[in-house]
Amino acid sequence: MTVLVAYASAMGSTQEIAQHIADRMASTLDGVECRSVDEVESVSGYDAVVIGSAVHNQSWLPAADQFFARHAPELAKRPVWAFNVGMADALPKPFRKKGAALQQARLAGVLPQDVALRGHRMFSGVYKADQMSSALRFLFRLTGGRFGDFRDWTAIDAWTDEIAAQLATPASPTSPGSATA
């Protein structure tokens, strides 16, 4: 079983999550690679793909969108999972759940329909004050926004273990994208 964990990262948080997923999968599966979407020329040599992208302005990074567009025919032939890394947990408390739901709905609408995902999860990342202008930083703090590392490693591990378990189970006669995670 060869698995590609591909990522598009802006500040490094998504890359760290992708590498963590790949390392954890490698403890139970052989042939797990973690690579930037910009480094992937073909997915035809992989049996399964997990792709993650940072979310900016409620959208995946352009490199992740281009990865899906470029590899859609091959991705459609294998099991694919996706994750995104946003800032829902850093938002002011009254907006966290609503922000997460809006982000999930918007992303579900833009992911390629010709690639049936077995699962799609949303995780929070790391938000540093120096990533914003001083005016935006002041407004963010004033409204209750928080800076810090909001990655939930327990949730990431649980999702990774679900994927690894599905990949370790012999294939069923259904299509590659028919199961959910």
C-alpha atoms as a PDB file:
ATOM      1  CA  MET A   1       0.000   0.000   0.000  1.00  0.00           C
ATOM      2  CA  THR A   2       1.534   3.296  -1.072  1.00  0.00           C
ATOM      3  CA  VAL A   3      -0.061   6.439   0.335  1.00  0.00           C
ATOM      4  CA  LEU A   4       0.596  10.054  -0.553  1.00  0.00           C
ATOM      5  CA  VAL A   5      -0.065  12.725   2.053  1.00  0.00           C
ATOM      6  CA  ALA A   6       0.080  15.962   0.067  1.00  0.00           C
ATOM      7  CA  TYR A   7      -0.291  19.468   1.435  1.00  0.00           C
ATOM      8  CA  ALA A   8      -0.470  23.145   0.552  1.00  0.00           C
ATOM      9  CA  SER A   9       0.753  25.247   3.468  1.00  0.00           C
ATOM     10  CA  ALA A  10       1.181  28.979   3.866  1.00  0.00           C
ATOM     11  CA  MET A  11       2.725  29.382   7.331  1.00  0.00           C
ATOM     12  CA  GLY A  12       3.797  25.802   8.097  1.00  0.00           C
ATOM     13  CA  SER A  13       0.932  24.572  10.294  1.00  0.00           C
ATOM     14  CA  THR A  14      -0.686  22.510   7.525  1.00  0.00           C
ATOM     15  CA  GLN A  15       2.689  21.035   6.566  1.00  0.00           C
ATOM     16  CA  GLU A  16       3.282  19.975  10.184  1.00  0.00           C
ATOM     17  CA  ILE A  17      -0.156  18.340  10.364  1.00  0.00           C
ATOM     18  CA  ALA A  18       0.439  16.537   7.056  1.00  0.00           C
ATOM     19  CA  GLN A  19       3.827  15.268   8.231  1.00  0.00           C
ATOM     20  CA  HIS A  20       2.277  14.100  11.513  1.00  0.00           C
ATOM     21  CA  ILE A  21      -0.441  12.215   9.586  1.00  0.00           C
ATOM     22  CA  ALA A  22       2.173  10.602   7.321  1.00  0.00           C
ATOM     23  CA  ASP A  23       4.390   9.596  10.242  1.00  0.00           C
ATOM     24  CA  ARG A  24       1.453   8.092  12.135  1.00  0.00           C
ATOM     25  CA  MET A  25       0.228   6.166   9.060  1.00  0.00           C
ATOM     26  CA  ALA A  26       3.755   4.892   8.430  1.00  0.00           C
ATOM     27  CA  SER A  27       3.675   3.115  11.781  1.00  0.00           C
ATOM     28  CA  THR A  28       0.997   0.744  10.397  1.00  0.00           C
ATOM     29  CA  LEU A  29       1.305   1.028   6.614  1.00  0.00           C
ATOM     30  CA  ASP A  30       4.301   0.716   4.306  1.00  0.00           C
ATOM     31  CA  GLY A  31       5.075   3.247   1.616  1.00  0.00           C
ATOM     32  CA  VAL A  32       3.716   6.491   3.092  1.00  0.00           C
ATOM     33  CA  GLU A  33       5.134   9.719   1.634  1.00  0.00           C
ATOM     34  CA  CYS A  34       4.510  13.332   2.632  1.00  0.00           C
ATOM     35  CA  ARG A  35       5.048  15.948  -0.086  1.00  0.00           C
ATOM     36  CA  SER A  36       4.046  19.467  -0.983  1.00  0.00           C
ATOM     37  CA  VAL A  37       1.418  19.547  -3.747  1.00  0.00           C
ATOM     38  CA  ASP A  38       3.934  21.565  -5.775  1.00  0.00           C
ATOM     39  CA  GLU A  39       6.345  18.590  -5.738  1.00  0.00           C
ATOM     40  CA  VAL A  40       3.832  15.993  -6.967  1.00  0.00           C
ATOM     41  CA  GLU A  41       4.049  15.312 -10.685  1.00  0.00           C
ATOM     42  CA  SER A  42       1.728  12.299 -10.700  1.00  0.00           C
ATOM     43  CA  VAL A  43      -0.471  10.369  -8.272  1.00  0.00           C
ATOM     44  CA  SER A  44      -0.604   7.252 -10.449  1.00  0.00           C
ATOM     45  CA  GLY A  45       2.022   5.484  -8.324  1.00  0.00           C
ATOM     46  CA  TYR A  46      -0.055   5.767  -5.146  1.00  0.00           C
ATOM     47  CA  ASP A  47      -2.854   3.519  -3.954  1.00  0.00           C
ATOM     48  CA  ALA A  48      -4.448   6.277  -1.831  1.00  0.00           C
ATOM     49  CA  VAL A  49      -4.119  10.023  -1.307  1.00  0.00           C
ATOM     50  CA  VAL A  50      -4.680  12.327   1.650  1.00  0.00           C
ATOM     51  CA  ILE A  51      -4.534  16.009   0.774  1.00  0.00           C
ATOM     52  CA  GLY A  52      -4.591  18.997   3.072  1.00  0.00           C
ATOM     53  CA  SER A  53      -4.647  22.729   2.537  1.00  0.00           C
ATOM     54  CA  ALA A  54      -4.517  25.830   4.634  1.00  0.00           C
ATOM     55  CA  VAL A  55      -7.652  27.924   4.292  1.00  0.00           C
ATOM     56  CA  HIS A  56      -7.357  31.625   3.558  1.00  0.00           C
ATOM     57  CA  ASN A  57     -10.420  33.799   2.943  1.00  0.00           C
ATOM     58  CA  GLN A  58     -12.659  30.708   3.233  1.00  0.00           C
ATOM     59  CA  SER A  59     -10.850  29.005   0.333  1.00  0.00           C
ATOM     60  CA  TRP A  60      -8.166  26.396  -0.172  1.00  0.00           C
ATOM     61  CA  LEU A  61      -4.811  27.724  -1.287  1.00  0.00           C
ATOM     62  CA  PRO A  62      -4.521  27.989  -5.089  1.00  0.00           C
ATOM     63  CA  ALA A  63      -1.824  25.284  -5.167  1.00  0.00           C
ATOM     64  CA  ALA A  64      -4.264  22.771  -3.601  1.00  0.00           C
ATOM     65  CA  ASP A  65      -7.003  23.704  -6.067  1.00  0.00           C
ATOM     66  CA  GLN A  66      -4.538  23.276  -8.938  1.00  0.00           C
ATOM     67  CA  PHE A  67      -3.448  19.892  -7.552  1.00  0.00           C
ATOM     68  CA  PHE A  68      -7.052  18.652  -7.640  1.00  0.00           C
ATOM     69  CA  ALA A  69      -7.652  20.047 -11.127  1.00  0.00           C
ATOM     70  CA  ARG A  70      -4.396  18.619 -12.507  1.00  0.00           C
ATOM     71  CA  HIS A  71      -4.803  15.151 -10.987  1.00  0.00           C
ATOM     72  CA  ALA A  72      -8.613  14.735 -10.910  1.00  0.00           C
ATOM     73  CA  PRO A  73      -8.765  11.836 -13.433  1.00  0.00           C
ATOM     74  CA  GLU A  74      -6.218   9.798 -11.433  1.00  0.00           C
ATOM     75  CA  LEU A  75      -7.614  10.824  -8.038  1.00  0.00           C
ATOM     76  CA  ALA A  76     -11.046   9.607  -9.115  1.00  0.00           C
ATOM     77  CA  LYS A  77      -9.595   6.060  -9.430  1.00  0.00           C
ATOM     78  CA  ARG A  78      -8.338   5.763  -5.848  1.00  0.00           C
ATOM     79  CA  PRO A  79      -9.451   6.479  -2.291  1.00  0.00           C
ATOM     80  CA  VAL A  80      -8.967  10.140  -1.380  1.00  0.00           C
ATOM     81  CA  TRP A  81      -9.358  11.968   1.919  1.00  0.00           C
ATOM     82  CA  ALA A  82      -9.021  15.708   2.429  1.00  0.00           C
ATOM     83  CA  PHE A  83      -8.441  18.015   5.348  1.00  0.00           C
ATOM     84  CA  ASN A  84      -8.226  21.734   5.715  1.00  0.00           C
ATOM     85  CA  VAL A  85      -6.595  23.886   8.337  1.00  0.00           C
ATOM     86  CA  GLY A  86      -8.459  27.051   9.253  1.00  0.00           C
ATOM     87  CA  MET A  87      -8.848  29.399  12.152  1.00  0.00           C
ATOM     88  CA  ALA A  88     -12.275  28.551  13.565  1.00  0.00           C
ATOM     89  CA  ASP A  89     -10.948  27.868  17.074  1.00  0.00           C
ATOM     90  CA  ALA A  90      -9.112  31.200  17.144  1.00  0.00           C
ATOM     91  CA  LEU A  91     -12.254  33.217  16.398  1.00  0.00           C
ATOM     92  CA  PRO A  92     -14.163  35.021  19.134  1.00  0.00           C
ATOM     93  CA  LYS A  93     -16.180  32.405  21.047  1.00  0.00           C
ATOM     94  CA  PRO A  94     -19.642  33.390  19.690  1.00  0.00           C
ATOM     95  CA  PHE A  95     -18.373  32.912  16.109  1.00  0.00           C
ATOM     96  CA  ARG A  96     -16.392  29.651  16.402  1.00  0.00           C
ATOM     97  CA  LYS A  97     -19.134  27.119  15.584  1.00  0.00           C
ATOM     98  CA  LYS A  98     -20.753  29.320  12.964  1.00  0.00           C
ATOM     99  CA  GLY A  99     -17.381  30.099  11.391  1.00  0.00           C
ATOM    100  CA  ALA A 100     -16.505  26.411  11.234  1.00  0.00           C
ATOM    101  CA  ALA A 101     -19.874  25.515   9.686  1.00  0.00           C
ATOM    102  CA  LEU A 102     -19.618  28.296   7.083  1.00  0.00           C
ATOM    103  CA  GLN A 103     -16.090  27.266   6.222  1.00  0.00           C
ATOM    104  CA  GLN A 104     -17.058  23.600   5.856  1.00  0.00           C
ATOM    105  CA  ALA A 105     -20.078  24.422   3.680  1.00  0.00           C
ATOM    106  CA  ARG A 106     -18.112  26.743   1.428  1.00  0.00           C
ATOM    107  CA  LEU A 107     -15.268  24.274   0.973  1.00  0.00           C
ATOM    108  CA  ALA A 108     -17.654  21.395   0.258  1.00  0.00           C
ATOM    109  CA  GLY A 109     -19.053  23.470  -2.593  1.00  0.00           C
ATOM    110  CA  VAL A 110     -15.687  24.109  -4.225  1.00  0.00           C
ATOM    111  CA  LEU A 111     -14.012  20.708  -3.909  1.00  0.00           C
ATOM    112  CA  PRO A 112     -14.036  18.849  -7.250  1.00  0.00           C
ATOM    113  CA  GLN A 113     -17.221  16.840  -7.694  1.00  0.00           C
ATOM    114  CA  ASP A 114     -15.512  14.300  -9.943  1.00  0.00           C
ATOM    115  CA  VAL A 115     -13.307  13.140  -7.039  1.00  0.00           C
ATOM    116  CA  ALA A 116     -15.399  11.297  -4.448  1.00  0.00           C
ATOM    117  CA  LEU A 117     -13.838  11.932  -1.062  1.00  0.00           C
ATOM    118  CA  ARG A 118     -13.975   9.196   1.551  1.00  0.00           C
ATOM    119  CA  GLY A 119     -13.722  11.872   4.200  1.00  0.00           C
ATOM    120  CA  HIS A 120     -13.117  15.567   4.685  1.00  0.00           C
ATOM    121  CA  ARG A 121     -12.101  17.038   8.044  1.00  0.00           C
ATOM    122  CA  MET A 122     -11.474  20.516   9.254  1.00  0.00           C
ATOM    123  CA  PHE A 123      -8.762  21.235  11.808  1.00  0.00           C
ATOM    124  CA  SER A 124      -7.555  24.437  13.402  1.00  0.00           C
ATOM    125  CA  GLY A 125      -3.953  25.536  13.085  1.00  0.00           C
ATOM    126  CA  VAL A 126      -1.464  27.912  14.643  1.00  0.00           C
ATOM    127  CA  TYR A 127      -2.244  31.639  14.693  1.00  0.00           C
ATOM    128  CA  LYS A 128       0.490  34.073  15.606  1.00  0.00           C
ATOM    129  CA  ALA A 129      -0.007  37.762  16.264  1.00  0.00           C
ATOM    130  CA  ASP A 130       2.797  38.675  13.858  1.00  0.00           C
ATOM    131  CA  GLN A 131       0.803  37.147  10.982  1.00  0.00           C
ATOM    132  CA  MET A 132      -1.573  40.147  11.079  1.00  0.00           C
ATOM    133  CA  SER A 133      -1.128  43.872  10.718  1.00  0.00           C
ATOM    134  CA  SER A 134      -1.139  45.789  14.026  1.00  0.00           C
ATOM    135  CA  ALA A 135      -4.581  47.285  13.282  1.00  0.00           C
ATOM    136  CA  LEU A 136      -6.114  43.896  12.442  1.00  0.00           C
ATOM    137  CA  ARG A 137      -4.377  42.317  15.432  1.00  0.00           C
ATOM    138  CA  PHE A 138      -5.877  44.968  17.742  1.00  0.00           C
ATOM    139  CA  LEU A 139      -9.387  44.476  16.285  1.00  0.00           C
ATOM    140  CA  PHE A 140      -9.055  40.686  16.454  1.00  0.00           C
ATOM    141  CA  ARG A 141      -8.069  40.819  20.132  1.00  0.00           C
ATOM    142  CA  LEU A 142     -10.722  43.437  20.922  1.00  0.00           C
ATOM    143  CA  THR A 143     -13.469  41.149  19.589  1.00  0.00           C
ATOM    144  CA  GLY A 144     -12.211  38.135  21.552  1.00  0.00           C
ATOM    145  CA  GLY A 145      -9.990  36.464  18.971  1.00  0.00           C
ATOM    146  CA  ARG A 146      -7.122  34.369  20.296  1.00  0.00           C
ATOM    147  CA  PHE A 147      -3.610  33.627  19.141  1.00  0.00           C
ATOM    148  CA  GLY A 148      -1.843  30.326  19.747  1.00  0.00           C
ATOM    149  CA  ASP A 149      -1.601  26.709  18.657  1.00  0.00           C
ATOM    150  CA  PHE A 150      -5.130  25.297  18.305  1.00  0.00           C
ATOM    151  CA  ARG A 151      -4.230  22.005  16.646  1.00  0.00           C
ATOM    152  CA  ASP A 152      -6.144  19.128  18.233  1.00  0.00           C
ATOM    153  CA  TRP A 153      -3.630  16.295  17.907  1.00  0.00           C
ATOM    154  CA  THR A 154      -6.032  13.800  19.475  1.00  0.00           C
ATOM    155  CA  ALA A 155      -8.627  14.498  16.761  1.00  0.00           C
ATOM    156  CA  ILE A 156      -5.963  14.410  14.047  1.00  0.00           C
ATOM    157  CA  ASP A 157      -4.656  11.069  15.351  1.00  0.00           C
ATOM    158  CA  ALA A 158      -8.159   9.577  15.541  1.00  0.00           C
ATOM    159  CA  TRP A 159      -8.909  10.595  11.935  1.00  0.00           C
ATOM    160  CA  THR A 160      -5.539   9.284  10.764  1.00  0.00           C
ATOM    161  CA  ASP A 161      -6.160   5.964  12.515  1.00  0.00           C
ATOM    162  CA  GLU A 162      -9.576   5.671  10.804  1.00  0.00           C
ATOM    163  CA  ILE A 163      -7.939   6.150   7.410  1.00  0.00           C
ATOM    164  CA  ALA A 164      -5.136   3.679   8.171  1.00  0.00           C
ATOM    165  CA  ALA A 165      -7.673   1.091   9.342  1.00  0.00           C
ATOM    166  CA  GLN A 166      -9.677   1.457   6.131  1.00  0.00           C
ATOM    167  CA  LEU A 167      -6.542   1.129   4.025  1.00  0.00           C
ATOM    168  CA  ALA A 168      -5.375  -1.931   5.943  1.00  0.00           C
ATOM    169  CA  THR A 169      -8.716  -3.671   5.276  1.00  0.00           C
ATOM    170  CA  PRO A 170      -8.986  -5.544   1.967  1.00  0.00           C
ATOM    171  CA  ALA A 171     -10.813  -3.590  -0.728  1.00  0.00           C
ATOM    172  CA  SER A 172     -14.539  -4.128  -1.100  1.00  0.00           C
ATOM    173  CA  PRO A 173     -16.290  -4.510  -4.446  1.00  0.00           C
ATOM    174  CA  THR A 174     -17.623  -0.940  -4.213  1.00  0.00           C
ATOM    175  CA  SER A 175     -16.051   2.050  -5.927  1.00  0.00           C
ATOM    176  CA  PRO A 176     -12.978   3.753  -4.351  1.00  0.00           C
ATOM    177  CA  GLY A 177     -14.933   6.786  -3.168  1.00  0.00           C
ATOM    178  CA  SER A 178     -18.024   5.055  -1.825  1.00  0.00           C
ATOM    179  CA  ALA A 179     -17.084   4.781   1.861  1.00  0.00           C
ATOM    180  CA  THR A 180     -17.088   7.652   4.336  1.00  0.00           C
ATOM    181  CA  ALA A 181     -14.731   8.533   7.131  1.00  0.00           C
END
